[in-house]
């Protein structure tokens, strides 16, 4: 009789472990690689350090806006992407610009982004992205042409992107 009770408790413990492990696997976040291009234009705004509005192609196809949250030397940005499907991806960035020698108003631009959330497909999203390209500060209005790439993870992120 004692052997039967121990066996039943062992079986119950094993079933509980399998159920918990299954839940953990189900709750994992899927990740996908994102890439594409961004055409930014500086727009009038009340943001202290300026705002850009962008057309986005590739996986995050749609539009984005970014505003600088702190000035040099510790520049930071807040970036929001809205896809054509209505999903929102939010990231914080660390942008840097290096002057192009012999080309006044031209800069090599690099941004390291940390994904901090969103809504729809990107609810609870995490990950990292980079932007690389050129900023044209002597154009009216100022513009930038960038390429983005990175990995975005989240409970609603499915597949490998477009």
N, C-alpha and C. Protein backbone atom coordinates (compact mmCIF):
# COMPACT_ATOMS: atom_id res chain seq x y z
N UNK A 1 0.82 -1.19 0.00
CA UNK A 1 0.00 0.00 0.00
C UNK A 1 0.87 1.26 0.00
N UNK A 2 1.91 1.27 0.82
CA UNK A 2 2.80 2.42 0.89
C UNK A 2 3.47 2.66 -0.48
N UNK A 3 3.87 1.60 -1.19
CA UNK A 3 4.48 1.69 -2.51
C UNK A 3 3.52 2.35 -3.50
N UNK A 4 2.24 2.04 -3.44
CA UNK A 4 1.24 2.59 -4.34
C UNK A 4 1.06 4.09 -4.10
N UNK A 5 1.11 4.53 -2.85
CA UNK A 5 0.97 5.95 -2.53
C UNK A 5 2.18 6.73 -3.06
N UNK A 6 3.39 6.20 -2.83
CA UNK A 6 4.61 6.85 -3.32
C UNK A 6 4.59 6.94 -4.84
N UNK A 7 4.17 5.87 -5.50
CA UNK A 7 4.11 5.85 -6.95
C UNK A 7 3.12 6.90 -7.46
N UNK A 8 1.95 7.01 -6.82
CA UNK A 8 0.95 8.00 -7.23
C UNK A 8 1.47 9.42 -7.04
N UNK A 9 2.19 9.68 -5.94
CA UNK A 9 2.76 11.00 -5.70
C UNK A 9 3.85 11.31 -6.74
N UNK A 10 4.64 10.32 -7.08
CA UNK A 10 5.68 10.50 -8.09
C UNK A 10 5.06 10.79 -9.44
N UNK A 11 4.01 10.08 -9.80
CA UNK A 11 3.32 10.32 -11.07
C UNK A 11 2.71 11.73 -11.10
N UNK A 12 2.11 12.12 -9.98
CA UNK A 12 1.51 13.45 -9.90
C UNK A 12 2.58 14.53 -10.04
N UNK A 13 3.72 14.34 -9.39
CA UNK A 13 4.82 15.30 -9.49
C UNK A 13 5.34 15.39 -10.92
N UNK A 14 5.47 14.25 -11.60
CA UNK A 14 5.93 14.26 -12.98
C UNK A 14 4.94 14.97 -13.90
N UNK A 15 3.65 14.72 -13.72
CA UNK A 15 2.63 15.38 -14.54
C UNK A 15 2.68 16.89 -14.31
N UNK A 16 2.87 17.31 -13.07
CA UNK A 16 2.94 18.73 -12.75
C UNK A 16 4.16 19.37 -13.42
N UNK A 17 5.30 18.70 -13.40
CA UNK A 17 6.52 19.21 -14.05
C UNK A 17 6.32 19.35 -15.56
N UNK A 18 5.69 18.37 -16.18
CA UNK A 18 5.43 18.43 -17.63
C UNK A 18 4.49 19.59 -17.94
N UNK A 19 3.47 19.79 -17.13
CA UNK A 19 2.52 20.88 -17.36
C UNK A 19 3.20 22.23 -17.22
N UNK A 20 4.04 22.40 -16.20
CA UNK A 20 4.75 23.67 -16.00
C UNK A 20 5.72 23.91 -17.14
N UNK A 21 6.46 22.89 -17.56
CA UNK A 21 7.41 23.03 -18.67
C UNK A 21 6.67 23.39 -19.95
N UNK A 22 5.54 22.82 -20.19
CA UNK A 22 4.75 23.13 -21.38
C UNK A 22 4.28 24.57 -21.38
N UNK A 23 3.89 25.08 -20.23
CA UNK A 23 3.47 26.47 -20.11
C UNK A 23 4.64 27.40 -20.38
N UNK A 24 5.82 27.07 -19.87
CA UNK A 24 7.00 27.91 -20.09
C UNK A 24 7.35 27.96 -21.57
N UNK A 25 7.26 26.86 -22.27
CA UNK A 25 7.56 26.84 -23.69
C UNK A 25 6.53 27.68 -24.44
N UNK A 26 5.27 27.58 -24.05
CA UNK A 26 4.20 28.32 -24.71
C UNK A 26 4.38 29.83 -24.51
N UNK A 27 4.95 30.27 -23.35
CA UNK A 27 5.09 31.68 -23.03
C UNK A 27 6.35 32.30 -23.63
N UNK A 28 7.20 31.52 -24.27
CA UNK A 28 8.44 32.07 -24.81
C UNK A 28 8.14 33.08 -25.92
N UNK A 29 9.10 33.94 -26.13
CA UNK A 29 8.95 34.95 -27.17
C UNK A 29 9.58 34.48 -28.46
N UNK A 30 8.87 34.70 -29.57
CA UNK A 30 9.45 34.44 -30.88
C UNK A 30 10.21 35.69 -31.30
N UNK A 31 11.25 35.51 -32.09
CA UNK A 31 12.06 36.63 -32.57
C UNK A 31 12.09 36.61 -34.09
N UNK A 32 12.27 37.78 -34.67
CA UNK A 32 12.51 37.83 -36.10
C UNK A 32 13.45 38.97 -36.45
N UNK A 33 14.12 38.77 -37.56
CA UNK A 33 15.08 39.73 -38.09
C UNK A 33 14.30 40.80 -38.84
N UNK A 34 14.59 42.06 -38.54
CA UNK A 34 13.95 43.18 -39.24
C UNK A 34 15.01 43.93 -40.03
N UNK A 35 14.62 44.41 -41.20
CA UNK A 35 15.53 45.18 -42.03
C UNK A 35 14.71 45.98 -43.02
N UNK A 36 15.32 47.08 -43.49
CA UNK A 36 14.67 47.93 -44.47
C UNK A 36 15.35 49.28 -44.53
N UNK A 37 14.63 50.25 -45.08
CA UNK A 37 15.20 51.60 -45.20
C UNK A 37 14.26 52.63 -44.60
N UNK A 38 14.84 53.78 -44.29
CA UNK A 38 14.11 54.89 -43.67
C UNK A 38 14.50 56.18 -44.39
N UNK A 39 13.52 56.95 -44.81
CA UNK A 39 13.75 58.28 -45.38
C UNK A 39 13.15 59.29 -44.40
N UNK A 40 14.01 60.00 -43.66
CA UNK A 40 13.57 60.93 -42.62
C UNK A 40 13.56 62.37 -43.12
N UNK A 41 12.60 63.13 -42.61
CA UNK A 41 12.52 64.57 -42.87
C UNK A 41 12.25 65.27 -41.56
N UNK A 42 13.04 66.30 -41.25
CA UNK A 42 12.80 67.09 -40.04
C UNK A 42 11.53 67.90 -40.24
N UNK A 43 10.63 67.84 -39.26
CA UNK A 43 9.37 68.56 -39.37
C UNK A 43 9.25 69.57 -38.23
N UNK A 44 8.44 70.62 -38.43
CA UNK A 44 8.22 71.58 -37.35
C UNK A 44 7.53 70.89 -36.17
N UNK A 45 7.97 71.21 -34.96
CA UNK A 45 7.34 70.63 -33.77
C UNK A 45 7.65 71.47 -32.55
N UNK A 46 6.97 71.16 -31.48
CA UNK A 46 7.25 71.81 -30.20
C UNK A 46 8.24 71.01 -29.37
N UNK A 47 8.78 69.92 -29.93
CA UNK A 47 9.76 69.12 -29.21
C UNK A 47 11.03 69.96 -29.03
N UNK A 48 11.57 69.94 -27.83
CA UNK A 48 12.69 70.80 -27.48
C UNK A 48 13.88 70.66 -28.44
N UNK A 49 14.20 69.43 -28.86
CA UNK A 49 15.39 69.21 -29.68
C UNK A 49 15.07 68.77 -31.11
N UNK A 50 13.80 68.84 -31.51
CA UNK A 50 13.42 68.53 -32.89
C UNK A 50 12.75 67.18 -33.05
N UNK A 51 12.06 67.03 -34.19
CA UNK A 51 11.33 65.79 -34.51
C UNK A 51 11.48 65.49 -36.00
N UNK A 52 11.55 64.19 -36.30
CA UNK A 52 11.61 63.72 -37.67
C UNK A 52 10.40 62.84 -37.96
N UNK A 53 9.92 62.90 -39.19
CA UNK A 53 8.86 62.03 -39.67
C UNK A 53 9.47 61.22 -40.81
N UNK A 54 9.15 59.92 -40.86
CA UNK A 54 9.84 59.05 -41.81
C UNK A 54 8.89 58.12 -42.54
N UNK A 55 9.31 57.77 -43.75
CA UNK A 55 8.70 56.69 -44.50
C UNK A 55 9.60 55.48 -44.31
N UNK A 56 9.00 54.33 -43.96
CA UNK A 56 9.77 53.13 -43.65
C UNK A 56 9.40 52.03 -44.64
N UNK A 57 10.41 51.35 -45.18
CA UNK A 57 10.17 50.22 -46.07
C UNK A 57 10.68 48.95 -45.36
N UNK A 58 10.43 47.81 -45.96
CA UNK A 58 10.93 46.56 -45.40
C UNK A 58 9.97 45.96 -44.40
N UNK A 59 10.51 45.26 -43.42
CA UNK A 59 9.70 44.54 -42.43
C UNK A 59 8.78 45.48 -41.66
N UNK A 60 9.26 46.67 -41.30
CA UNK A 60 8.46 47.63 -40.54
C UNK A 60 7.74 48.62 -41.46
N UNK A 61 7.41 48.21 -42.66
CA UNK A 61 6.79 49.04 -43.68
C UNK A 61 5.67 49.91 -43.09
N UNK A 62 5.82 51.22 -43.26
CA UNK A 62 4.84 52.16 -42.73
C UNK A 62 5.47 53.52 -42.53
N UNK A 63 5.33 54.05 -41.33
CA UNK A 63 5.86 55.37 -41.01
C UNK A 63 6.51 55.33 -39.63
N UNK A 64 7.33 56.33 -39.36
CA UNK A 64 7.91 56.45 -38.01
C UNK A 64 8.09 57.91 -37.67
N UNK A 65 8.22 58.16 -36.40
CA UNK A 65 8.58 59.48 -35.92
C UNK A 65 9.61 59.30 -34.82
N UNK A 66 10.49 60.25 -34.74
CA UNK A 66 11.54 60.20 -33.73
C UNK A 66 11.76 61.61 -33.21
N UNK A 67 11.98 61.71 -31.90
CA UNK A 67 12.39 62.99 -31.36
C UNK A 67 13.56 62.77 -30.42
N UNK A 68 14.42 63.77 -30.38
CA UNK A 68 15.61 63.72 -29.54
C UNK A 68 15.19 64.10 -28.13
N UNK A 69 15.56 63.25 -27.16
CA UNK A 69 15.15 63.49 -25.77
C UNK A 69 16.22 64.17 -24.93
N UNK A 70 17.48 64.15 -25.39
CA UNK A 70 18.53 64.86 -24.69
C UNK A 70 19.59 65.32 -25.70
N UNK A 71 20.17 66.50 -25.43
CA UNK A 71 21.11 67.09 -26.38
C UNK A 71 22.52 66.52 -26.23
N UNK A 72 23.43 66.89 -27.15
CA UNK A 72 24.83 66.48 -27.00
C UNK A 72 25.37 66.98 -25.66
N UNK A 73 26.28 66.30 -25.06
CA UNK A 73 27.04 65.19 -25.63
C UNK A 73 26.39 63.82 -25.43
N UNK A 74 25.32 63.72 -24.67
CA UNK A 74 24.66 62.43 -24.40
C UNK A 74 23.32 62.35 -25.12
N UNK A 75 23.36 62.37 -26.44
CA UNK A 75 22.14 62.39 -27.25
C UNK A 75 21.38 61.08 -27.08
N UNK A 76 20.06 61.19 -26.90
CA UNK A 76 19.17 60.04 -26.82
C UNK A 76 17.94 60.37 -27.66
N UNK A 77 17.28 59.30 -28.15
CA UNK A 77 16.09 59.51 -28.97
C UNK A 77 14.97 58.57 -28.54
N UNK A 78 13.77 58.91 -28.94
CA UNK A 78 12.57 58.10 -28.73
C UNK A 78 11.97 57.86 -30.10
N UNK A 79 11.92 56.60 -30.54
CA UNK A 79 11.53 56.24 -31.90
C UNK A 79 10.25 55.41 -31.88
N UNK A 80 9.27 55.79 -32.69
CA UNK A 80 8.01 55.06 -32.77
C UNK A 80 7.74 54.72 -34.23
N UNK A 81 7.54 53.43 -34.50
CA UNK A 81 7.21 52.93 -35.83
C UNK A 81 5.76 52.49 -35.84
N UNK A 82 5.02 52.85 -36.89
CA UNK A 82 3.65 52.38 -37.08
C UNK A 82 3.62 51.68 -38.43
N UNK A 83 3.35 50.37 -38.42
CA UNK A 83 3.34 49.61 -39.67
C UNK A 83 2.02 49.83 -40.41
N UNK A 84 1.98 49.45 -41.67
CA UNK A 84 0.75 49.59 -42.45
C UNK A 84 -0.37 48.71 -41.89
N UNK A 85 -0.01 47.67 -41.12
CA UNK A 85 -1.00 46.81 -40.48
C UNK A 85 -1.51 47.41 -39.17
N UNK A 86 -0.91 48.55 -38.73
CA UNK A 86 -1.35 49.20 -37.50
C UNK A 86 -0.59 48.78 -36.25
N UNK A 87 0.43 47.93 -36.39
CA UNK A 87 1.25 47.54 -35.24
C UNK A 87 2.21 48.67 -34.90
N UNK A 88 2.51 48.83 -33.61
CA UNK A 88 3.39 49.90 -33.15
C UNK A 88 4.60 49.29 -32.45
N UNK A 89 5.80 49.75 -32.83
CA UNK A 89 7.06 49.33 -32.22
C UNK A 89 7.72 50.58 -31.65
N UNK A 90 8.14 50.51 -30.38
CA UNK A 90 8.75 51.66 -29.71
C UNK A 90 10.17 51.29 -29.29
N UNK A 91 11.10 52.23 -29.52
CA UNK A 91 12.50 52.00 -29.15
C UNK A 91 13.12 53.29 -28.64
N UNK A 92 14.17 53.15 -27.85
CA UNK A 92 14.97 54.30 -27.44
C UNK A 92 16.33 54.17 -28.11
N UNK A 93 16.89 55.31 -28.51
CA UNK A 93 18.11 55.25 -29.30
C UNK A 93 19.25 56.08 -28.75
N UNK A 94 20.43 55.73 -29.24
CA UNK A 94 21.65 56.48 -28.95
C UNK A 94 22.24 56.84 -30.32
N UNK A 95 21.86 58.03 -30.86
CA UNK A 95 22.35 58.42 -32.18
C UNK A 95 23.71 59.10 -32.12
N UNK A 96 24.46 58.95 -33.21
CA UNK A 96 25.72 59.69 -33.35
C UNK A 96 25.88 60.11 -34.80
N UNK A 97 26.54 61.25 -35.00
CA UNK A 97 26.80 61.76 -36.34
C UNK A 97 28.27 62.15 -36.44
N UNK A 98 28.87 61.80 -37.59
CA UNK A 98 30.26 62.15 -37.86
C UNK A 98 30.29 62.95 -39.16
N UNK A 99 30.90 64.15 -39.15
CA UNK A 99 30.95 64.94 -40.38
C UNK A 99 31.68 64.20 -41.51
N UNK A 100 31.16 64.37 -42.72
CA UNK A 100 31.82 63.82 -43.91
C UNK A 100 32.84 64.86 -44.36
N UNK A 101 34.14 64.52 -44.38
CA UNK A 101 35.17 65.50 -44.77
C UNK A 101 34.92 66.05 -46.17
N UNK A 102 35.02 67.38 -46.29
CA UNK A 102 34.87 68.03 -47.59
C UNK A 102 33.44 68.16 -48.08
N UNK A 103 32.46 67.74 -47.28
CA UNK A 103 31.05 67.85 -47.67
C UNK A 103 30.26 68.55 -46.56
N UNK A 104 30.25 69.89 -46.58
CA UNK A 104 29.55 70.63 -45.53
C UNK A 104 28.08 70.20 -45.42
N UNK A 105 27.61 70.01 -44.19
CA UNK A 105 26.23 69.64 -43.95
C UNK A 105 25.93 68.17 -44.12
N UNK A 106 26.93 67.37 -44.50
CA UNK A 106 26.75 65.92 -44.67
C UNK A 106 27.36 65.18 -43.49
N UNK A 107 26.63 64.20 -42.96
CA UNK A 107 27.09 63.44 -41.80
C UNK A 107 26.84 61.96 -42.00
N UNK A 108 27.78 61.14 -41.53
CA UNK A 108 27.56 59.71 -41.41
C UNK A 108 26.77 59.53 -40.11
N UNK A 109 25.65 58.85 -40.19
CA UNK A 109 24.77 58.69 -39.02
C UNK A 109 24.71 57.23 -38.61
N UNK A 110 24.79 57.00 -37.30
CA UNK A 110 24.63 55.66 -36.73
C UNK A 110 23.75 55.79 -35.49
N UNK A 111 22.80 54.87 -35.34
CA UNK A 111 21.92 54.86 -34.16
C UNK A 111 21.84 53.43 -33.63
N UNK A 112 22.10 53.26 -32.33
CA UNK A 112 21.86 51.99 -31.64
C UNK A 112 20.53 52.11 -30.93
N UNK A 113 19.60 51.20 -31.23
CA UNK A 113 18.26 51.25 -30.64
C UNK A 113 18.01 50.05 -29.74
N UNK A 114 17.29 50.29 -28.66
CA UNK A 114 16.81 49.24 -27.77
C UNK A 114 15.29 49.24 -27.86
N UNK A 115 14.72 48.12 -28.28
CA UNK A 115 13.27 48.00 -28.40
C UNK A 115 12.68 47.90 -26.99
N UNK A 116 11.67 48.74 -26.69
CA UNK A 116 11.10 48.80 -25.35
C UNK A 116 9.62 48.45 -25.30
N UNK A 117 9.03 48.06 -26.43
CA UNK A 117 7.62 47.67 -26.38
C UNK A 117 6.88 48.09 -27.63
N UNK A 118 5.58 48.21 -27.48
CA UNK A 118 4.73 48.58 -28.59
C UNK A 118 3.32 48.08 -28.37
N UNK A 119 2.60 47.87 -29.47
CA UNK A 119 1.24 47.34 -29.39
C UNK A 119 0.99 46.45 -30.60
N UNK A 120 -0.12 45.71 -30.55
CA UNK A 120 -0.41 44.76 -31.62
C UNK A 120 0.65 43.67 -31.65
N UNK A 121 1.17 43.39 -32.81
CA UNK A 121 2.20 42.37 -32.99
C UNK A 121 3.42 42.62 -32.10
N UNK A 122 3.70 43.89 -31.79
CA UNK A 122 4.89 44.25 -31.03
C UNK A 122 4.62 44.56 -29.56
N UNK A 123 3.45 44.16 -29.04
CA UNK A 123 3.18 44.31 -27.60
C UNK A 123 4.24 43.52 -26.83
N UNK A 124 4.79 44.13 -25.82
CA UNK A 124 5.82 43.51 -24.97
C UNK A 124 7.10 43.15 -25.73
N UNK A 125 7.34 43.82 -26.85
CA UNK A 125 8.52 43.52 -27.67
C UNK A 125 9.80 43.95 -26.99
N UNK A 126 10.87 43.23 -27.30
CA UNK A 126 12.22 43.56 -26.86
C UNK A 126 13.14 43.35 -28.07
N UNK A 127 14.37 43.78 -27.94
CA UNK A 127 15.33 43.54 -29.01
C UNK A 127 16.24 44.72 -29.22
N UNK A 128 17.04 44.63 -30.29
CA UNK A 128 17.95 45.71 -30.65
C UNK A 128 17.93 45.92 -32.15
N UNK A 129 18.19 47.15 -32.55
CA UNK A 129 18.27 47.50 -33.96
C UNK A 129 19.38 48.53 -34.13
N UNK A 130 19.86 48.68 -35.36
CA UNK A 130 20.77 49.76 -35.69
C UNK A 130 20.27 50.46 -36.94
N UNK A 131 20.58 51.74 -37.03
CA UNK A 131 20.36 52.53 -38.23
C UNK A 131 21.74 52.98 -38.70
N UNK A 132 21.97 52.94 -39.99
CA UNK A 132 23.20 53.48 -40.56
C UNK A 132 22.86 54.20 -41.85
N UNK A 133 23.51 55.35 -42.09
CA UNK A 133 23.27 56.08 -43.32
C UNK A 133 23.87 57.46 -43.28
N UNK A 134 23.20 58.38 -44.01
CA UNK A 134 23.70 59.76 -44.10
C UNK A 134 22.60 60.74 -43.75
N UNK A 135 23.02 61.79 -43.04
CA UNK A 135 22.15 62.92 -42.72
C UNK A 135 22.57 64.10 -43.57
N UNK A 136 21.57 64.83 -44.06
CA UNK A 136 21.80 65.98 -44.94
C UNK A 136 21.26 67.22 -44.23
N UNK A 137 22.11 67.89 -43.43
CA UNK A 137 21.63 68.99 -42.60
C UNK A 137 21.55 70.30 -43.36
N UNK A 138 22.14 70.39 -44.56
CA UNK A 138 22.09 71.65 -45.30
C UNK A 138 20.90 71.70 -46.25
N UNK A 139 20.14 70.60 -46.37
CA UNK A 139 18.94 70.63 -47.20
C UNK A 139 17.82 71.33 -46.43
N UNK A 140 16.84 71.83 -47.14
CA UNK A 140 15.70 72.47 -46.49
C UNK A 140 14.45 71.72 -46.90
N UNK A 141 13.80 71.03 -45.96
CA UNK A 141 14.21 70.78 -44.58
C UNK A 141 15.32 69.71 -44.53
N UNK A 142 16.00 69.60 -43.38
CA UNK A 142 17.03 68.57 -43.23
C UNK A 142 16.43 67.17 -43.38
N UNK A 143 17.20 66.26 -43.99
CA UNK A 143 16.73 64.89 -44.23
C UNK A 143 17.82 63.89 -43.86
N UNK A 144 17.44 62.62 -43.87
CA UNK A 144 18.40 61.53 -43.66
C UNK A 144 17.93 60.31 -44.43
N UNK A 145 18.88 59.54 -44.93
CA UNK A 145 18.60 58.28 -45.62
C UNK A 145 19.32 57.18 -44.84
N UNK A 146 18.56 56.25 -44.30
CA UNK A 146 19.11 55.26 -43.38
C UNK A 146 18.70 53.85 -43.77
N UNK A 147 19.48 52.89 -43.33
CA UNK A 147 19.14 51.47 -43.44
C UNK A 147 19.05 50.95 -42.01
N UNK A 148 17.99 50.19 -41.71
CA UNK A 148 17.86 49.61 -40.37
C UNK A 148 17.95 48.10 -40.45
N UNK A 149 18.41 47.52 -39.34
CA UNK A 149 18.43 46.06 -39.21
C UNK A 149 18.50 45.73 -37.73
N UNK A 150 18.02 44.54 -37.38
CA UNK A 150 18.08 44.10 -36.00
C UNK A 150 17.17 42.92 -35.76
N UNK A 151 17.00 42.62 -34.49
CA UNK A 151 16.16 41.50 -34.07
C UNK A 151 15.13 42.00 -33.08
N UNK A 152 13.86 41.64 -33.33
CA UNK A 152 12.76 42.02 -32.45
C UNK A 152 12.10 40.73 -31.95
N UNK A 153 11.90 40.66 -30.64
CA UNK A 153 11.29 39.49 -30.01
C UNK A 153 10.04 39.90 -29.25
N UNK A 154 9.09 38.98 -29.14
CA UNK A 154 7.89 39.24 -28.36
C UNK A 154 6.92 38.09 -28.45
N UNK A 155 5.97 38.04 -27.53
CA UNK A 155 5.01 36.94 -27.51
C UNK A 155 4.12 36.90 -28.72
N UNK A 156 3.96 38.02 -29.44
CA UNK A 156 3.09 38.06 -30.62
C UNK A 156 3.85 38.11 -31.93
N UNK A 157 5.19 38.13 -31.85
CA UNK A 157 6.03 38.19 -33.04
C UNK A 157 6.11 36.78 -33.63
N UNK A 158 5.71 36.66 -34.86
CA UNK A 158 5.72 35.34 -35.53
C UNK A 158 6.53 35.41 -36.79
N UNK A 159 7.18 34.34 -37.12
CA UNK A 159 7.87 34.23 -38.41
C UNK A 159 9.16 35.00 -38.47
N UNK A 160 9.68 35.10 -39.69
CA UNK A 160 10.98 35.71 -39.91
C UNK A 160 10.88 37.08 -40.56
N UNK A 161 9.73 37.69 -40.54
CA UNK A 161 9.58 39.01 -41.16
C UNK A 161 9.27 38.91 -42.63
N UNK A 162 9.18 40.07 -43.27
CA UNK A 162 8.85 40.13 -44.69
C UNK A 162 10.11 40.06 -45.52
